[in-house]
Amino acid sequence: RPKSAAERKRECRLVRGACKAECN
């Protein structure tokens, strides 16, 4: 089952990341 957008954003926050247009 593909992960939902909410699950992917939650995983991103767990590793102290941010969803941005591009990475520095």
mmCIF file of all heavy atoms, coordinates in Angstrom:
data_MODEL
# 
_entry.id   MODEL 
# 
loop_
_atom_site.group_PDB 
_atom_site.id 
_atom_site.type_symbol 
_atom_site.label_atom_id 
_atom_site.label_alt_id 
_atom_site.label_comp_id 
_atom_site.label_asym_id 
_atom_site.label_entity_id 
_atom_site.label_seq_id 
_atom_site.pdbx_PDB_ins_code 
_atom_site.Cartn_x 
_atom_site.Cartn_y 
_atom_site.Cartn_z 
_atom_site.occupancy 
_atom_site.B_iso_or_equiv 
_atom_site.pdbx_formal_charge 
_atom_site.auth_seq_id 
_atom_site.auth_comp_id 
_atom_site.auth_asym_id 
_atom_site.auth_atom_id 
_atom_site.pdbx_PDB_model_num 
ATOM 1   N N   . ARG A 1 1  ? 0.850  -1.176 0.000  1.00 0.00 ? 1  ARG A N   1 
ATOM 2   C CA  . ARG A 1 1  ? 0.000  0.000  0.000  1.00 0.00 ? 1  ARG A CA  1 
ATOM 3   C C   . ARG A 1 1  ? 0.889  1.230  0.000  1.00 0.00 ? 1  ARG A C   1 
ATOM 4   O O   . ARG A 1 1  ? 1.791  1.364  0.835  1.00 0.00 ? 1  ARG A O   1 
ATOM 5   C CB  . ARG A 1 1  ? -0.874 -0.001 1.256  1.00 0.00 ? 1  ARG A CB  1 
ATOM 6   C CG  . ARG A 1 1  ? -1.844 1.155  1.354  1.00 0.00 ? 1  ARG A CG  1 
ATOM 7   C CD  . ARG A 1 1  ? -2.638 1.097  2.649  1.00 0.00 ? 1  ARG A CD  1 
ATOM 8   N NE  . ARG A 1 1  ? -1.793 1.157  3.822  1.00 0.00 ? 1  ARG A NE  1 
ATOM 9   C CZ  . ARG A 1 1  ? -1.389 2.282  4.409  1.00 0.00 ? 1  ARG A CZ  1 
ATOM 10  N NH1 . ARG A 1 1  ? -1.732 3.437  3.918  1.00 0.00 ? 1  ARG A NH1 1 
ATOM 11  N NH2 . ARG A 1 1  ? -0.638 2.250  5.487  1.00 0.00 ? 1  ARG A NH2 1 
ATOM 12  N N   . PRO A 1 2  ? 0.686  2.144  -0.935 1.00 0.00 ? 2  PRO A N   1 
ATOM 13  C CA  . PRO A 1 2  ? 1.518  3.357  -0.957 1.00 0.00 ? 2  PRO A CA  1 
ATOM 14  C C   . PRO A 1 2  ? 1.200  4.232  0.252  1.00 0.00 ? 2  PRO A C   1 
ATOM 15  O O   . PRO A 1 2  ? 0.064  4.291  0.720  1.00 0.00 ? 2  PRO A O   1 
ATOM 16  C CB  . PRO A 1 2  ? 1.134  4.042  -2.264 1.00 0.00 ? 2  PRO A CB  1 
ATOM 17  C CG  . PRO A 1 2  ? -0.186 3.480  -2.622 1.00 0.00 ? 2  PRO A CG  1 
ATOM 18  C CD  . PRO A 1 2  ? -0.268 2.108  -2.030 1.00 0.00 ? 2  PRO A CD  1 
ATOM 19  N N   . LYS A 1 3  ? 2.232  4.900  0.746  1.00 0.00 ? 3  LYS A N   1 
ATOM 20  C CA  . LYS A 1 3  ? 2.049  5.765  1.910  1.00 0.00 ? 3  LYS A CA  1 
ATOM 21  C C   . LYS A 1 3  ? 1.295  7.020  1.511  1.00 0.00 ? 3  LYS A C   1 
ATOM 22  O O   . LYS A 1 3  ? 1.504  7.556  0.423  1.00 0.00 ? 3  LYS A O   1 
ATOM 23  C CB  . LYS A 1 3  ? 3.396  6.153  2.503  1.00 0.00 ? 3  LYS A CB  1 
ATOM 24  C CG  . LYS A 1 3  ? 4.131  4.991  3.108  1.00 0.00 ? 3  LYS A CG  1 
ATOM 25  C CD  . LYS A 1 3  ? 5.435  5.432  3.716  1.00 0.00 ? 3  LYS A CD  1 
ATOM 26  C CE  . LYS A 1 3  ? 6.173  4.265  4.308  1.00 0.00 ? 3  LYS A CE  1 
ATOM 27  N NZ  . LYS A 1 3  ? 7.444  4.666  4.878  1.00 0.00 ? 3  LYS A NZ  1 
ATOM 28  N N   . SER A 1 4  ? 0.461  7.461  2.407  1.00 0.00 ? 4  SER A N   1 
ATOM 29  C CA  . SER A 1 4  ? -0.294 8.682  2.126  1.00 0.00 ? 4  SER A CA  1 
ATOM 30  C C   . SER A 1 4  ? 0.611  9.891  2.332  1.00 0.00 ? 4  SER A C   1 
ATOM 31  O O   . SER A 1 4  ? 1.695  9.809  2.918  1.00 0.00 ? 4  SER A O   1 
ATOM 32  C CB  . SER A 1 4  ? -1.510 8.769  3.047  1.00 0.00 ? 4  SER A CB  1 
ATOM 33  O OG  . SER A 1 4  ? -1.094 8.963  4.379  1.00 0.00 ? 4  SER A OG  1 
ATOM 34  N N   . ALA A 1 5  ? 0.165  11.030 1.861  1.00 0.00 ? 5  ALA A N   1 
ATOM 35  C CA  . ALA A 1 5  ? 0.952  12.265 1.987  1.00 0.00 ? 5  ALA A CA  1 
ATOM 36  C C   . ALA A 1 5  ? 1.121  12.630 3.457  1.00 0.00 ? 5  ALA A C   1 
ATOM 37  O O   . ALA A 1 5  ? 2.185  13.107 3.869  1.00 0.00 ? 5  ALA A O   1 
ATOM 38  C CB  . ALA A 1 5  ? 0.281  13.394 1.228  1.00 0.00 ? 5  ALA A CB  1 
ATOM 39  N N   . ALA A 1 6  ? 0.103  12.383 4.266  1.00 0.00 ? 6  ALA A N   1 
ATOM 40  C CA  . ALA A 1 6  ? 0.195  12.707 5.694  1.00 0.00 ? 6  ALA A CA  1 
ATOM 41  C C   . ALA A 1 6  ? 1.261  11.846 6.381  1.00 0.00 ? 6  ALA A C   1 
ATOM 42  O O   . ALA A 1 6  ? 2.020  12.335 7.227  1.00 0.00 ? 6  ALA A O   1 
ATOM 43  C CB  . ALA A 1 6  ? -1.155 12.514 6.363  1.00 0.00 ? 6  ALA A CB  1 
ATOM 44  N N   . GLU A 1 7  ? 1.347  10.567 6.008  1.00 0.00 ? 7  GLU A N   1 
ATOM 45  C CA  . GLU A 1 7  ? 2.360  9.688  6.597  1.00 0.00 ? 7  GLU A CA  1 
ATOM 46  C C   . GLU A 1 7  ? 3.767  10.128 6.195  1.00 0.00 ? 7  GLU A C   1 
ATOM 47  O O   . GLU A 1 7  ? 4.685  10.116 7.013  1.00 0.00 ? 7  GLU A O   1 
ATOM 48  C CB  . GLU A 1 7  ? 2.134  8.251  6.143  1.00 0.00 ? 7  GLU A CB  1 
ATOM 49  C CG  . GLU A 1 7  ? 0.959  7.567  6.794  1.00 0.00 ? 7  GLU A CG  1 
ATOM 50  C CD  . GLU A 1 7  ? 0.755  6.178  6.244  1.00 0.00 ? 7  GLU A CD  1 
ATOM 51  O OE1 . GLU A 1 7  ? 0.506  6.062  5.028  1.00 0.00 ? 7  GLU A OE1 1 
ATOM 52  O OE2 . GLU A 1 7  ? 0.866  5.210  7.029  1.00 0.00 ? 7  GLU A OE2 1 
ATOM 53  N N   . ARG A 1 8  ? 3.929  10.525 4.927  1.00 0.00 ? 8  ARG A N   1 
ATOM 54  C CA  . ARG A 1 8  ? 5.251  10.969 4.474  1.00 0.00 ? 8  ARG A CA  1 
ATOM 55  C C   . ARG A 1 8  ? 5.661  12.263 5.160  1.00 0.00 ? 8  ARG A C   1 
ATOM 56  O O   . ARG A 1 8  ? 6.821  12.444 5.528  1.00 0.00 ? 8  ARG A O   1 
ATOM 57  C CB  . ARG A 1 8  ? 5.246  11.134 2.957  1.00 0.00 ? 8  ARG A CB  1 
ATOM 58  C CG  . ARG A 1 8  ? 5.188  9.816  2.227  1.00 0.00 ? 8  ARG A CG  1 
ATOM 59  C CD  . ARG A 1 8  ? 5.459  9.992  0.757  1.00 0.00 ? 8  ARG A CD  1 
ATOM 60  N NE  . ARG A 1 8  ? 4.486  10.853 0.108  1.00 0.00 ? 8  ARG A NE  1 
ATOM 61  C CZ  . ARG A 1 8  ? 3.438  10.450 -0.583 1.00 0.00 ? 8  ARG A CZ  1 
ATOM 62  N NH1 . ARG A 1 8  ? 3.213  9.171  -0.717 1.00 0.00 ? 8  ARG A NH1 1 
ATOM 63  N NH2 . ARG A 1 8  ? 2.619  11.311 -1.139 1.00 0.00 ? 8  ARG A NH2 1 
ATOM 64  N N   . LYS A 1 9  ? 4.723  13.187 5.362  1.00 0.00 ? 9  LYS A N   1 
ATOM 65  C CA  . LYS A 1 9  ? 5.049  14.438 6.058  1.00 0.00 ? 9  LYS A CA  1 
ATOM 66  C C   . LYS A 1 9  ? 5.384  14.167 7.521  1.00 0.00 ? 9  LYS A C   1 
ATOM 67  O O   . LYS A 1 9  ? 6.265  14.798 8.092  1.00 0.00 ? 9  LYS A O   1 
ATOM 68  C CB  . LYS A 1 9  ? 3.882  15.412 5.955  1.00 0.00 ? 9  LYS A CB  1 
ATOM 69  C CG  . LYS A 1 9  ? 3.756  16.020 4.580  1.00 0.00 ? 9  LYS A CG  1 
ATOM 70  C CD  . LYS A 1 9  ? 2.611  17.004 4.509  1.00 0.00 ? 9  LYS A CD  1 
ATOM 71  C CE  . LYS A 1 9  ? 2.500  17.570 3.102  1.00 0.00 ? 9  LYS A CE  1 
ATOM 72  N NZ  . LYS A 1 9  ? 1.395  18.512 2.965  1.00 0.00 ? 9  LYS A NZ  1 
ATOM 73  N N   . ARG A 1 10 ? 4.693  13.199 8.132  1.00 0.00 ? 10 ARG A N   1 
ATOM 74  C CA  . ARG A 1 10 ? 4.971  12.843 9.527  1.00 0.00 ? 10 ARG A CA  1 
ATOM 75  C C   . ARG A 1 10 ? 6.377  12.265 9.648  1.00 0.00 ? 10 ARG A C   1 
ATOM 76  O O   . ARG A 1 10 ? 7.132  12.616 10.545 1.00 0.00 ? 10 ARG A O   1 
ATOM 77  C CB  . ARG A 1 10 ? 3.945  11.832 10.013 1.00 0.00 ? 10 ARG A CB  1 
ATOM 78  C CG  . ARG A 1 10 ? 4.132  11.434 11.449 1.00 0.00 ? 10 ARG A CG  1 
ATOM 79  C CD  . ARG A 1 10 ? 3.030  10.466 11.899 1.00 0.00 ? 10 ARG A CD  1 
ATOM 80  N NE  . ARG A 1 10 ? 3.322  9.971  13.211 1.00 0.00 ? 10 ARG A NE  1 
ATOM 81  C CZ  . ARG A 1 10 ? 4.084  8.910  13.461 1.00 0.00 ? 10 ARG A CZ  1 
ATOM 82  N NH1 . ARG A 1 10 ? 4.632  8.241  12.469 1.00 0.00 ? 10 ARG A NH1 1 
ATOM 83  N NH2 . ARG A 1 10 ? 4.317  8.512  14.686 1.00 0.00 ? 10 ARG A NH2 1 
ATOM 84  N N   . GLU A 1 11 ? 6.756  11.383 8.711  1.00 0.00 ? 11 GLU A N   1 
ATOM 85  C CA  . GLU A 1 11 ? 8.111  10.827 8.725  1.00 0.00 ? 11 GLU A CA  1 
ATOM 86  C C   . GLU A 1 11 ? 9.151  11.922 8.537  1.00 0.00 ? 11 GLU A C   1 
ATOM 87  O O   . GLU A 1 11 ? 10.217 11.882 9.131  1.00 0.00 ? 11 GLU A O   1 
ATOM 88  C CB  . GLU A 1 11 ? 8.268  9.782  7.631  1.00 0.00 ? 11 GLU A CB  1 
ATOM 89  C CG  . GLU A 1 11 ? 7.608  8.472  7.929  1.00 0.00 ? 11 GLU A CG  1 
ATOM 90  C CD  . GLU A 1 11 ? 7.820  7.449  6.833  1.00 0.00 ? 11 GLU A CD  1 
ATOM 91  O OE1 . GLU A 1 11 ? 8.406  7.805  5.785  1.00 0.00 ? 11 GLU A OE1 1 
ATOM 92  O OE2 . GLU A 1 11 ? 7.397  6.305  7.028  1.00 0.00 ? 11 GLU A OE2 1 
ATOM 93  N N   . CYS A 1 12 ? 8.835  12.893 7.720  1.00 0.00 ? 12 CYS A N   1 
ATOM 94  C CA  . CYS A 1 12 ? 9.756  14.007 7.489  1.00 0.00 ? 12 CYS A CA  1 
ATOM 95  C C   . CYS A 1 12 ? 9.960  14.796 8.777  1.00 0.00 ? 12 CYS A C   1 
ATOM 96  O O   . CYS A 1 12 ? 11.070 15.168 9.128  1.00 0.00 ? 12 CYS A O   1 
ATOM 97  C CB  . CYS A 1 12 ? 9.216  14.903 6.381  1.00 0.00 ? 12 CYS A CB  1 
ATOM 98  S SG  . CYS A 1 12 ? 10.330 16.237 5.927  1.00 0.00 ? 12 CYS A SG  1 
ATOM 99  N N   . ARG A 1 13 ? 8.883  15.045 9.497  1.00 0.00 ? 13 ARG A N   1 
ATOM 100 C CA  . ARG A 1 13 ? 8.998  15.792 10.756 1.00 0.00 ? 13 ARG A CA  1 
ATOM 101 C C   . ARG A 1 13 ? 9.730  14.993 11.825 1.00 0.00 ? 13 ARG A C   1 
ATOM 102 O O   . ARG A 1 13 ? 10.408 15.553 12.670 1.00 0.00 ? 13 ARG A O   1 
ATOM 103 C CB  . ARG A 1 13 ? 7.611  16.192 11.258 1.00 0.00 ? 13 ARG A CB  1 
ATOM 104 C CG  . ARG A 1 13 ? 7.085  17.420 10.542 1.00 0.00 ? 13 ARG A CG  1 
ATOM 105 C CD  . ARG A 1 13 ? 5.803  17.926 11.173 1.00 0.00 ? 13 ARG A CD  1 
ATOM 106 N NE  . ARG A 1 13 ? 4.784  17.939 10.120 1.00 0.00 ? 13 ARG A NE  1 
ATOM 107 C CZ  . ARG A 1 13 ? 3.704  17.181 10.106 1.00 0.00 ? 13 ARG A CZ  1 
ATOM 108 N NH1 . ARG A 1 13 ? 3.451  16.366 11.082 1.00 0.00 ? 13 ARG A NH1 1 
ATOM 109 N NH2 . ARG A 1 13 ? 2.858  17.261 9.110  1.00 0.00 ? 13 ARG A NH2 1 
ATOM 110 N N   . LEU A 1 14 ? 9.596  13.662 11.788 1.00 0.00 ? 14 LEU A N   1 
ATOM 111 C CA  . LEU A 1 14 ? 10.267 12.828 12.791 1.00 0.00 ? 14 LEU A CA  1 
ATOM 112 C C   . LEU A 1 14 ? 11.786 12.904 12.676 1.00 0.00 ? 14 LEU A C   1 
ATOM 113 O O   . LEU A 1 14 ? 12.485 12.779 13.674 1.00 0.00 ? 14 LEU A O   1 
ATOM 114 C CB  . LEU A 1 14 ? 9.820  11.368 12.651 1.00 0.00 ? 14 LEU A CB  1 
ATOM 115 C CG  . LEU A 1 14 ? 8.442  11.046 13.205 1.00 0.00 ? 14 LEU A CG  1 
ATOM 116 C CD1 . LEU A 1 14 ? 8.076  9.595  12.892 1.00 0.00 ? 14 LEU A CD1 1 
ATOM 117 C CD2 . LEU A 1 14 ? 8.376  11.287 14.692 1.00 0.00 ? 14 LEU A CD2 1 
ATOM 118 N N   . VAL A 1 15 ? 12.290 13.114 11.475 1.00 0.00 ? 15 VAL A N   1 
ATOM 119 C CA  . VAL A 1 15 ? 13.739 13.237 11.295 1.00 0.00 ? 15 VAL A CA  1 
ATOM 120 C C   . VAL A 1 15 ? 14.173 14.699 11.286 1.00 0.00 ? 15 VAL A C   1 
ATOM 121 O O   . VAL A 1 15 ? 15.274 15.019 10.865 1.00 0.00 ? 15 VAL A O   1 
ATOM 122 C CB  . VAL A 1 15 ? 14.214 12.532 10.009 1.00 0.00 ? 15 VAL A CB  1 
ATOM 123 C CG1 . VAL A 1 15 ? 14.024 11.047 10.112 1.00 0.00 ? 15 VAL A CG1 1 
ATOM 124 C CG2 . VAL A 1 15 ? 13.537 13.096 8.788  1.00 0.00 ? 15 VAL A CG2 1 
ATOM 125 N N   . ARG A 1 16 ? 13.290 15.571 11.764 1.00 0.00 ? 16 ARG A N   1 
ATOM 126 C CA  . ARG A 1 16 ? 13.532 17.015 11.853 1.00 0.00 ? 16 ARG A CA  1 
ATOM 127 C C   . ARG A 1 16 ? 13.804 17.626 10.489 1.00 0.00 ? 16 ARG A C   1 
ATOM 128 O O   . ARG A 1 16 ? 14.716 18.429 10.321 1.00 0.00 ? 16 ARG A O   1 
ATOM 129 C CB  . ARG A 1 16 ? 14.672 17.314 12.824 1.00 0.00 ? 16 ARG A CB  1 
ATOM 130 C CG  . ARG A 1 16 ? 14.326 16.922 14.230 1.00 0.00 ? 16 ARG A CG  1 
ATOM 131 C CD  . ARG A 1 16 ? 15.404 17.297 15.191 1.00 0.00 ? 16 ARG A CD  1 
ATOM 132 N NE  . ARG A 1 16 ? 15.010 16.888 16.530 1.00 0.00 ? 16 ARG A NE  1 
ATOM 133 C CZ  . ARG A 1 16 ? 15.833 16.779 17.527 1.00 0.00 ? 16 ARG A CZ  1 
ATOM 134 N NH1 . ARG A 1 16 ? 17.106 17.037 17.344 1.00 0.00 ? 16 ARG A NH1 1 
ATOM 135 N NH2 . ARG A 1 16 ? 15.415 16.425 18.705 1.00 0.00 ? 16 ARG A NH2 1 
ATOM 136 N N   . GLY A 1 17 ? 13.014 17.204 9.521  1.00 0.00 ? 17 GLY A N   1 
ATOM 137 C CA  . GLY A 1 17 ? 13.136 17.740 8.177  1.00 0.00 ? 17 GLY A CA  1 
ATOM 138 C C   . GLY A 1 17 ? 12.012 18.713 7.882  1.00 0.00 ? 17 GLY A C   1 
ATOM 139 O O   . GLY A 1 17 ? 11.130 18.946 8.698  1.00 0.00 ? 17 GLY A O   1 
ATOM 140 N N   . ALA A 1 18 ? 12.061 19.294 6.701  1.00 0.00 ? 18 ALA A N   1 
ATOM 141 C CA  . ALA A 1 18 ? 11.041 20.234 6.254  1.00 0.00 ? 18 ALA A CA  1 
ATOM 142 C C   . ALA A 1 18 ? 10.737 19.962 4.790  1.00 0.00 ? 18 ALA A C   1 
ATOM 143 O O   . ALA A 1 18 ? 11.639 19.703 3.993  1.00 0.00 ? 18 ALA A O   1 
ATOM 144 C CB  . ALA A 1 18 ? 11.520 21.665 6.435  1.00 0.00 ? 18 ALA A CB  1 
ATOM 145 N N   . CYS A 1 19 ? 9.459  20.028 4.444  1.00 0.00 ? 19 CYS A N   1 
ATOM 146 C CA  . CYS A 1 19 ? 9.046  19.854 3.057  1.00 0.00 ? 19 CYS A CA  1 
ATOM 147 C C   . CYS A 1 19 ? 9.183  21.193 2.350  1.00 0.00 ? 19 CYS A C   1 
ATOM 148 O O   . CYS A 1 19 ? 8.490  22.148 2.681  1.00 0.00 ? 19 CYS A O   1 
ATOM 149 C CB  . CYS A 1 19 ? 7.604  19.359 2.996  1.00 0.00 ? 19 CYS A CB  1 
ATOM 150 S SG  . CYS A 1 19 ? 7.384  17.763 3.778  1.00 0.00 ? 19 CYS A SG  1 
ATOM 151 N N   . LYS A 1 20 ? 10.145 21.282 1.413  1.00 0.00 ? 20 LYS A N   1 
ATOM 152 C CA  . LYS A 1 20 ? 10.413 22.540 0.717  1.00 0.00 ? 20 LYS A CA  1 
ATOM 153 C C   . LYS A 1 20 ? 10.436 22.293 -0.786 1.00 0.00 ? 20 LYS A C   1 
ATOM 154 O O   . LYS A 1 20 ? 10.440 21.150 -1.234 1.00 0.00 ? 20 LYS A O   1 
ATOM 155 C CB  . LYS A 1 20 ? 11.760 23.115 1.140  1.00 0.00 ? 20 LYS A CB  1 
ATOM 156 C CG  . LYS A 1 20 ? 11.875 23.419 2.623  1.00 0.00 ? 20 LYS A CG  1 
ATOM 157 C CD  . LYS A 1 20 ? 13.051 24.292 2.900  1.00 0.00 ? 20 LYS A CD  1 
ATOM 158 C CE  . LYS A 1 20 ? 14.278 23.499 3.216  1.00 0.00 ? 20 LYS A CE  1 
ATOM 159 N NZ  . LYS A 1 20 ? 15.412 24.334 3.556  1.00 0.00 ? 20 LYS A NZ  1 
ATOM 160 N N   . ALA A 1 21 ? 10.485 23.383 -1.538 1.00 0.00 ? 21 ALA A N   1 
ATOM 161 C CA  . ALA A 1 21 ? 10.542 23.269 -2.994 1.00 0.00 ? 21 ALA A CA  1 
ATOM 162 C C   . ALA A 1 21 ? 11.871 22.648 -3.441 1.00 0.00 ? 21 ALA A C   1 
ATOM 163 O O   . ALA A 1 21 ? 11.913 21.833 -4.352 1.00 0.00 ? 21 ALA A O   1 
ATOM 164 C CB  . ALA A 1 21 ? 10.351 24.635 -3.638 1.00 0.00 ? 21 ALA A CB  1 
ATOM 165 N N   . GLU A 1 22 ? 12.982 23.049 -2.809 1.00 0.00 ? 22 GLU A N   1 
ATOM 166 C CA  . GLU A 1 22 ? 14.283 22.450 -3.101 1.00 0.00 ? 22 GLU A CA  1 
ATOM 167 C C   . GLU A 1 22 ? 15.160 22.546 -1.873 1.00 0.00 ? 22 GLU A C   1 
ATOM 168 O O   . GLU A 1 22 ? 14.981 23.402 -1.006 1.00 0.00 ? 22 GLU A O   1 
ATOM 169 C CB  . GLU A 1 22 ? 14.956 23.115 -4.298 1.00 0.00 ? 22 GLU A CB  1 
ATOM 170 C CG  . GLU A 1 22 ? 15.284 24.582 -4.123 1.00 0.00 ? 22 GLU A CG  1 
ATOM 171 C CD  . GLU A 1 22 ? 15.942 25.161 -5.363 1.00 0.00 ? 22 GLU A CD  1 
ATOM 172 O OE1 . GLU A 1 22 ? 15.539 24.804 -6.474 1.00 0.00 ? 22 GLU A OE1 1 
ATOM 173 O OE2 . GLU A 1 22 ? 16.866 25.966 -5.182 1.00 0.00 ? 22 GLU A OE2 1 
ATOM 174 N N   . CYS A 1 23 ? 16.135 21.649 -1.785 1.00 0.00 ? 23 CYS A N   1 
ATOM 175 C CA  . CYS A 1 23 ? 17.018 21.593 -0.621 1.00 0.00 ? 23 CYS A CA  1 
ATOM 176 C C   . CYS A 1 23 ? 18.240 22.473 -0.846 1.00 0.00 ? 23 CYS A C   1 
ATOM 177 O O   . CYS A 1 23 ? 18.699 22.653 -1.974 1.00 0.00 ? 23 CYS A O   1 
ATOM 178 C CB  . CYS A 1 23 ? 17.471 20.160 -0.366 1.00 0.00 ? 23 CYS A CB  1 
ATOM 179 S SG  . CYS A 1 23 ? 16.128 19.044 0.029  1.00 0.00 ? 23 CYS A SG  1 
ATOM 180 N N   . ASN A 1 24 ? 18.777 23.006 0.241  1.00 0.00 ? 24 ASN A N   1 
ATOM 181 C CA  . ASN A 1 24 ? 20.014 23.786 0.185  1.00 0.00 ? 24 ASN A CA  1 
ATOM 182 C C   . ASN A 1 24 ? 21.203 22.841 0.096  1.00 0.00 ? 24 ASN A C   1 
ATOM 183 O O   . ASN A 1 24 ? 21.055 21.621 0.191  1.00 0.00 ? 24 ASN A O   1 
ATOM 184 C CB  . ASN A 1 24 ? 20.135 24.672 1.430  1.00 0.00 ? 24 ASN A CB  1 
ATOM 185 C CG  . ASN A 1 24 ? 19.053 25.724 1.468  1.00 0.00 ? 24 ASN A CG  1 
ATOM 186 O OD1 . ASN A 1 24 ? 18.720 26.327 0.462  1.00 0.00 ? 24 ASN A OD1 1 
ATOM 187 N ND2 . ASN A 1 24 ? 18.480 25.922 2.645  1.00 0.00 ? 24 ASN A ND2 1 
# 
